Amino acid sequence: MFNRILGHQQQKNLLQRAVSSGRLPHAYLFEGPEGVGKRLVALALTRMLFCACGNSCGNCPACHKIDHHNHPDLHLLGPDGASIKIEQIRALQKELSYRPLEASHKVCIIDGAEKMNPAAANSLLKTLEEPRPQTLIILLTPAPDAVLPTIRSRCQRLPFSRIPREKLQEVLAAQLNLDDIQSHVLATLSEGSFKKALGKDRDLYLQRRRELLKQIAGLSPGSILPLLQLAQDIAEEKDLVFDILEIIQAFYRDLLLLKHGCTVEELVNIDMLETLEQVSRREDIITIVRKLTALLASRRHLERNVNRQLAMEVLLLQLVA
C-alpha cells in the first residue's frame, strides 16, 4: 500500500520500521499541508497492522474493510460542522475502552485535529496521558501550532511536506492525460497537493483561470461597472474565493518575476505570456509589490469574515489603481 503513495519515502520507511520492530508509539501527529497524503499514509499504516497476510495485501477481508471504512477496529473522526466536539471524543473513548474485535490493534484517525474545541482537546488529552494497550491514535493536521501543546508533546510528530512540483506534474500529466502546459499550471497552482489538483480546483485552475485573469487585466480605473460585477461574481464563489485569490496572486508574482528577468519556465501562467507582457508594460516593481500586499490584506480580511463583496470591491480598486 505504501508503494502506491507518491512521495514521503522517509516517513513511510520510519513507519514500516516501527511496525516491523513492534515499537509503534501510542499516538502520532502527522503534520503538513492539506492534500499531500497524510490521510493516505495513516490508512496504509492501518492496513499494515490489520492485514491478514501481514503485508497490506489489498485482497484479504481486513484490507477490503479498511478500504471501505467499515472495519470495526478502525475509527475515523473529523469535524462535526466547524469543530470536533467533546461528545465525539467521549464516544471515541468509549469505543477505545473495548478490546479489538478482529485486529491486533484499535486505530483511530482524527482528521483536522486543530479543529478540536477546548473541551474536546482536554478530553482527548486524558486518553493520551493514559494510553491503552493495543491502541494507536493518529492525529492529522495542517496547523500543528493550533493543536494543544500538551497534546503535541504526547504524540510522536511526523512532518509531511509538499510533493515536488516536477514529480506532481509528471503524475498529473499521466493520470489526467494533460499536455505539458496544463500539467505545469495545475501542479504549480495546487502547490504540491493532490487534493487540490484532483478536486474542485481542477476546473478553476485549467479552464476558468484564463478568463478570470483576462478580466482583471482588462479592468481600468474608469471601468467601475465591470469592476463591481466582477467583485460580485468572485464574492458569490464562497467556497472558492481563497483559491481565486491564489490565482490572482500567482499572476502578479509572475509579473514580478518578469520584471526581474526570470525565464518563462519559472512562471505559473506560462500559457498567458502575451497577457503578462501586456500588463507588465504598464506596471513597475513598486506597483506590483503594492498589489501583492493588497492581495494578502484581502485574505486576512476574509479570514476575519468581513463582507466578501466589499472586500473584493476594495481589492479590485487597488489592483486597477
Protein backbone atom coordinates (compact mmCIF):
# COMPACT_ATOMS: atom_id res chain seq x y z
CA MET A 1 0.00 0.00 0.00
CA PHE A 2 2.83 2.41 0.84
CA ASN A 3 4.37 1.97 -2.60
CA ARG A 4 1.22 3.39 -4.21
CA ILE A 5 1.55 6.66 -2.30
CA LEU A 6 3.58 9.33 -4.07
CA GLY A 7 6.50 10.78 -2.13
CA HIS A 8 7.09 10.79 1.65
CA GLN A 9 9.62 7.96 1.42
CA GLN A 10 11.34 8.86 4.69
CA GLN A 11 8.04 8.84 6.58
CA LYS A 12 6.98 5.52 5.04
CA ASN A 13 10.32 3.92 5.91
CA LEU A 14 10.06 5.09 9.52
CA LEU A 15 6.54 3.70 9.91
CA GLN A 16 7.47 0.37 8.31
CA ARG A 17 10.39 0.00 10.72
CA ALA A 18 8.12 0.82 13.68
CA VAL A 19 5.63 -1.88 12.63
CA SER A 20 8.33 -4.46 11.91
CA SER A 21 10.03 -3.90 15.26
CA GLY A 22 6.77 -3.82 17.22
CA ARG A 23 7.67 -0.39 18.60
CA LEU A 24 4.75 1.72 17.48
CA PRO A 25 4.09 4.67 19.77
CA HIS A 26 0.60 5.08 21.21
CA ALA A 27 0.00 8.27 19.19
CA TYR A 28 1.29 10.04 16.09
CA LEU A 29 0.81 13.62 14.95
CA PHE A 30 1.00 13.75 11.14
CA GLU A 31 1.51 17.42 10.31
CA GLY A 32 1.81 19.11 6.93
CA PRO A 33 -0.11 20.90 4.17
CA GLU A 34 -3.62 19.84 3.14
CA GLY A 35 -3.90 17.18 0.47
CA VAL A 36 -0.31 15.91 0.41
CA GLY A 37 -1.16 12.36 1.56
CA LYS A 38 -1.23 12.34 5.38
CA ARG A 39 -4.58 10.53 5.48
CA LEU A 40 -3.48 8.04 2.81
CA VAL A 41 -0.37 7.21 4.82
CA ALA A 42 -2.43 6.80 8.01
CA LEU A 43 -4.79 4.37 6.27
CA ALA A 44 -1.84 2.50 4.71
CA LEU A 45 -0.32 2.12 8.17
CA THR A 46 -3.64 0.74 9.42
CA ARG A 47 -3.67 -1.81 6.61
CA MET A 48 -0.18 -2.94 7.57
CA LEU A 49 -1.40 -3.56 11.12
CA PHE A 50 -4.72 -5.22 10.23
CA CYS A 51 -3.84 -7.22 7.08
CA ALA A 52 -4.42 -10.97 7.49
CA CYS A 53 -1.33 -11.64 5.35
CA GLY A 54 0.77 -9.14 7.28
CA ASN A 55 1.82 -7.29 4.13
CA SER A 56 -1.08 -4.94 3.32
CA CYS A 57 -2.11 -7.31 0.52
CA GLY A 58 -5.26 -5.43 -0.51
CA ASN A 59 -7.15 -8.67 -1.06
CA CYS A 60 -7.99 -10.01 2.40
CA PRO A 61 -11.25 -9.13 4.22
CA ALA A 62 -9.41 -6.78 6.61
CA CYS A 63 -7.89 -4.75 3.77
CA HIS A 64 -11.25 -4.54 2.00
CA LYS A 65 -12.95 -3.33 5.19
CA ILE A 66 -10.34 -0.62 5.67
CA ASP A 67 -10.73 0.49 2.05
CA HIS A 68 -14.49 0.82 2.63
CA HIS A 69 -14.02 2.42 6.07
CA ASN A 70 -16.13 -0.21 7.83
CA HIS A 71 -13.56 -2.17 9.83
CA PRO A 72 -14.81 -2.46 13.45
CA ASP A 73 -11.34 -1.64 14.84
CA LEU A 74 -10.80 1.46 12.68
CA HIS A 75 -12.37 4.69 13.94
CA LEU A 76 -12.37 7.78 11.71
CA LEU A 77 -13.12 11.11 13.34
CA GLY A 78 -13.46 14.56 11.81
CA PRO A 79 -15.16 17.88 12.49
CA ASP A 80 -18.90 17.90 13.12
CA GLY A 81 -19.62 21.19 11.43
CA ALA A 82 -16.89 23.68 12.24
CA SER A 83 -15.24 21.77 15.08
CA ILE A 84 -14.61 18.42 16.74
CA LYS A 85 -16.80 18.36 19.83
CA ILE A 86 -16.39 16.75 23.23
CA GLU A 87 -19.30 14.38 22.54
CA GLN A 88 -17.34 12.92 19.62
CA ILE A 89 -14.25 12.39 21.79
CA ARG A 90 -16.30 10.78 24.55
CA ALA A 91 -17.88 8.38 22.05
CA LEU A 92 -14.39 7.56 20.76
CA GLN A 93 -13.12 6.95 24.29
CA LYS A 94 -15.95 4.50 24.89
CA GLU A 95 -15.01 2.59 21.72
CA LEU A 96 -11.33 2.54 22.67
CA SER A 97 -12.15 1.12 26.11
CA TYR A 98 -13.03 -2.21 24.47
CA ARG A 99 -10.55 -4.74 23.17
CA PRO A 100 -10.02 -5.05 19.40
CA LEU A 101 -12.68 -7.20 17.75
CA GLU A 102 -10.79 -8.50 14.72
CA ALA A 103 -7.35 -6.91 14.53
CA SER A 104 -4.36 -6.77 16.84
CA HIS A 105 -4.94 -3.06 17.49
CA LYS A 106 -7.61 -0.42 17.56
CA VAL A 107 -6.70 2.55 15.37
CA CYS A 108 -8.29 5.98 15.50
CA ILE A 109 -7.55 8.60 12.82
CA ILE A 110 -8.55 12.14 13.81
CA ASP A 111 -8.55 14.29 10.67
CA GLY A 112 -8.46 18.02 11.37
CA ALA A 113 -7.05 17.74 14.89
CA GLU A 114 -6.59 21.52 15.03
CA LYS A 115 -10.40 21.85 14.98
CA MET A 116 -10.95 20.21 18.35
CA ASN A 117 -12.70 22.67 20.64
CA PRO A 118 -11.04 23.20 24.06
CA ALA A 119 -13.30 20.72 25.85
CA ALA A 120 -12.66 18.03 23.22
CA ALA A 121 -8.90 18.62 23.26
CA ASN A 122 -8.70 18.39 27.04
CA SER A 123 -10.79 15.23 27.00
CA LEU A 124 -8.52 13.61 24.40
CA LEU A 125 -5.50 14.63 26.46
CA LYS A 126 -6.63 12.30 29.23
CA THR A 127 -6.63 9.40 26.77
CA LEU A 128 -3.14 10.30 25.56
CA GLU A 129 -1.85 10.59 29.12
CA GLU A 130 -3.11 7.11 30.00
CA PRO A 131 -2.78 5.19 26.71
CA ARG A 132 -4.49 1.86 26.48
CA PRO A 133 -2.56 -1.16 25.17
CA GLN A 134 -3.16 -2.20 21.56
CA THR A 135 -4.42 1.29 20.69
CA LEU A 136 -2.97 3.70 18.13
CA ILE A 137 -4.25 7.27 17.71
CA ILE A 138 -3.16 9.22 14.61
CA LEU A 139 -3.88 12.95 14.53
CA LEU A 140 -3.76 14.72 11.16
CA THR A 141 -3.37 18.49 10.90
CA PRO A 142 -2.10 21.19 8.53
CA ALA A 143 -1.73 23.55 11.52
CA PRO A 144 0.17 21.87 14.38
CA ASP A 145 0.53 25.14 16.27
CA ALA A 146 -3.26 25.18 16.65
CA VAL A 147 -3.19 21.82 18.44
CA LEU A 148 -2.99 21.92 22.23
CA PRO A 149 0.74 21.94 23.19
CA THR A 150 0.21 19.20 25.77
CA ILE A 151 -1.33 17.01 23.04
CA ARG A 152 1.59 17.67 20.70
CA SER A 153 4.04 16.71 23.43
CA ARG A 154 2.36 13.32 23.92
CA CYS A 155 2.48 12.34 20.25
CA GLN A 156 5.35 11.32 18.02
CA ARG A 157 5.38 14.10 15.46
CA LEU A 158 5.88 13.20 11.82
CA PRO A 159 6.14 16.15 9.41
CA PHE A 160 4.96 15.88 5.79
CA SER A 161 6.00 18.30 3.06
CA ARG A 162 4.55 19.25 -0.29
CA ILE A 163 5.11 16.93 -3.22
CA PRO A 164 7.80 18.40 -5.55
CA ARG A 165 6.22 20.24 -8.47
CA GLU A 166 8.13 18.30 -11.11
CA LYS A 167 7.01 14.95 -9.69
CA LEU A 168 3.41 16.10 -9.28
CA GLN A 169 3.40 17.47 -12.82
CA GLU A 170 4.64 14.15 -14.19
CA VAL A 171 1.93 12.17 -12.37
CA LEU A 172 -0.88 14.59 -13.28
CA ALA A 173 0.11 14.51 -16.95
CA ALA A 174 -0.05 10.71 -16.96
CA GLN A 175 -3.21 10.28 -14.89
CA LEU A 176 -5.27 13.10 -16.41
CA ASN A 177 -3.85 12.99 -19.95
CA LEU A 178 -2.76 16.64 -19.78
CA ASP A 179 -0.29 18.38 -22.03
CA ASP A 180 2.91 19.94 -20.63
CA ILE A 181 1.39 23.41 -20.18
CA GLN A 182 -1.77 22.15 -18.44
CA SER A 183 0.16 19.86 -16.10
CA HIS A 184 2.62 22.68 -15.30
CA VAL A 185 -0.16 25.11 -14.39
CA LEU A 186 -2.14 22.57 -12.39
CA ALA A 187 0.89 21.27 -10.47
CA THR A 188 2.14 24.78 -9.69
CA LEU A 189 -1.18 26.24 -8.54
CA SER A 190 -2.07 23.17 -6.48
CA GLU A 191 1.19 23.70 -4.52
CA GLY A 192 2.09 20.05 -4.14
CA SER A 193 -1.41 19.00 -3.07
CA PHE A 194 -3.11 16.11 -4.86
CA LYS A 195 -6.34 17.06 -3.12
CA LYS A 196 -6.33 20.47 -4.79
CA ALA A 197 -5.10 19.17 -8.15
CA LEU A 198 -7.73 16.45 -8.42
CA GLY A 199 -10.57 18.14 -6.51
CA LYS A 200 -12.85 21.10 -7.01
CA ASP A 201 -9.97 23.40 -8.02
CA ARG A 202 -9.06 21.49 -11.17
CA ASP A 203 -11.59 23.18 -13.47
CA LEU A 204 -10.86 26.54 -11.85
CA TYR A 205 -7.14 26.20 -12.48
CA LEU A 206 -7.34 24.81 -16.01
CA GLN A 207 -10.41 26.46 -17.54
CA ARG A 208 -11.76 29.43 -15.62
CA ARG A 209 -8.37 30.84 -14.59
CA ARG A 210 -7.59 32.25 -18.03
CA GLU A 211 -10.91 34.09 -18.33
CA LEU A 212 -10.65 35.45 -14.79
CA LEU A 213 -7.14 36.81 -15.32
CA LYS A 214 -8.08 38.34 -18.67
CA GLN A 215 -10.98 40.12 -16.97
CA ILE A 216 -8.68 41.52 -14.30
CA ALA A 217 -6.05 42.53 -16.87
CA GLY A 218 -8.76 44.33 -18.83
CA LEU A 219 -10.01 46.44 -15.92
CA SER A 220 -9.14 50.12 -15.69
CA PRO A 221 -9.87 52.92 -13.18
CA GLY A 222 -12.74 54.05 -15.39
CA SER A 223 -14.39 50.60 -15.72
CA ILE A 224 -16.40 50.81 -12.50
CA LEU A 225 -19.42 48.76 -13.57
CA PRO A 226 -17.39 45.79 -14.88
CA LEU A 227 -15.25 46.02 -11.74
CA LEU A 228 -18.27 45.90 -9.42
CA GLN A 229 -19.76 42.99 -11.39
CA LEU A 230 -16.52 41.03 -11.22
CA ALA A 231 -16.28 41.71 -7.47
CA GLN A 232 -19.82 40.36 -7.05
CA ASP A 233 -19.06 37.28 -9.15
CA ILE A 234 -15.96 36.46 -7.08
CA ALA A 235 -17.76 37.12 -3.78
CA GLU A 236 -20.52 34.69 -4.74
CA GLU A 237 -17.91 31.92 -5.12
CA LYS A 238 -17.95 31.36 -1.35
CA ASP A 239 -16.14 28.01 -1.44
CA LEU A 240 -13.55 29.13 -4.00
CA VAL A 241 -12.79 32.72 -3.03
CA PHE A 242 -9.44 31.89 -1.38
CA ASP A 243 -8.42 29.78 -4.40
CA ILE A 244 -9.33 32.68 -6.69
CA LEU A 245 -7.13 34.98 -4.63
CA GLU A 246 -4.28 32.48 -5.01
CA ILE A 247 -4.72 32.55 -8.80
CA ILE A 248 -4.64 36.36 -8.87
CA GLN A 249 -1.65 36.37 -6.55
CA ALA A 250 0.22 33.93 -8.81
CA PHE A 251 -0.47 36.25 -11.77
CA TYR A 252 1.13 39.22 -10.01
CA ARG A 253 4.04 37.06 -8.82
CA ASP A 254 4.59 36.17 -12.48
CA LEU A 255 4.67 39.90 -13.32
CA LEU A 256 7.28 40.46 -10.61
CA LEU A 257 9.40 37.59 -11.94
CA LEU A 258 9.21 39.02 -15.46
CA LYS A 259 10.36 42.39 -14.16
CA HIS A 260 13.37 40.68 -12.60
CA GLY A 261 14.26 38.95 -15.87
CA CYS A 262 13.30 35.41 -14.86
CA THR A 263 12.78 32.74 -17.51
CA VAL A 264 9.36 31.65 -18.77
CA GLU A 265 9.81 28.24 -17.13
CA GLU A 266 9.77 29.92 -13.72
CA LEU A 267 6.29 31.37 -14.28
CA VAL A 268 2.98 29.81 -13.30
CA ASN A 269 0.83 31.15 -16.13
CA ILE A 270 3.08 30.12 -18.99
CA ASP A 271 0.05 29.84 -21.27
CA MET A 272 -0.74 33.55 -20.79
CA LEU A 273 2.63 35.04 -21.64
CA GLU A 274 1.16 37.62 -24.04
CA THR A 275 -1.26 38.91 -21.38
CA LEU A 276 1.53 39.00 -18.78
CA GLU A 277 3.78 41.02 -21.09
CA GLN A 278 0.97 43.47 -21.89
CA VAL A 279 0.25 44.11 -18.21
CA SER A 280 3.97 44.18 -17.37
CA ARG A 281 4.49 47.14 -19.70
CA ARG A 282 2.14 49.32 -17.66
CA GLU A 283 3.37 48.22 -14.24
CA ASP A 284 6.60 48.73 -12.32
CA ILE A 285 8.07 46.76 -9.43
CA ILE A 286 6.70 49.14 -6.80
CA THR A 287 3.11 48.92 -8.06
CA ILE A 288 3.27 45.13 -8.39
CA VAL A 289 4.52 44.75 -4.81
CA ARG A 290 1.78 47.12 -3.66
CA LYS A 291 -0.83 44.95 -5.34
CA LEU A 292 0.58 41.74 -3.91
CA THR A 293 0.35 43.40 -0.48
CA ALA A 294 -3.29 44.28 -1.18
CA LEU A 295 -4.00 40.62 -2.03
CA LEU A 296 -2.50 39.47 1.27
CA ALA A 297 -4.55 42.07 3.15
CA SER A 298 -7.74 40.87 1.41
CA ARG A 299 -7.04 37.29 2.51
CA ARG A 300 -6.63 38.43 6.11
CA HIS A 301 -9.89 40.40 5.94
CA LEU A 302 -11.78 37.40 4.56
CA GLU A 303 -10.35 35.16 7.28
CA ARG A 304 -11.96 37.56 9.76
CA ASN A 305 -15.32 37.11 7.98
CA VAL A 306 -15.71 40.63 6.63
CA ASN A 307 -18.26 41.26 3.89
CA ARG A 308 -16.90 39.34 0.89
CA GLN A 309 -18.27 41.61 -1.82
CA LEU A 310 -16.99 44.75 -0.12
CA ALA A 311 -13.56 43.12 0.33
CA MET A 312 -13.45 42.18 -3.36
CA GLU A 313 -14.52 45.66 -4.47
CA VAL A 314 -11.75 47.24 -2.40
CA LEU A 315 -9.22 44.73 -3.72
CA LEU A 316 -10.09 45.25 -7.40
CA LEU A 317 -9.98 49.03 -6.96
CA GLN A 318 -6.46 48.63 -5.58
CA LEU A 319 -5.47 46.33 -8.44
CA VAL A 320 -6.52 48.85 -11.11
CA ALA A 321 -5.08 51.89 -9.33
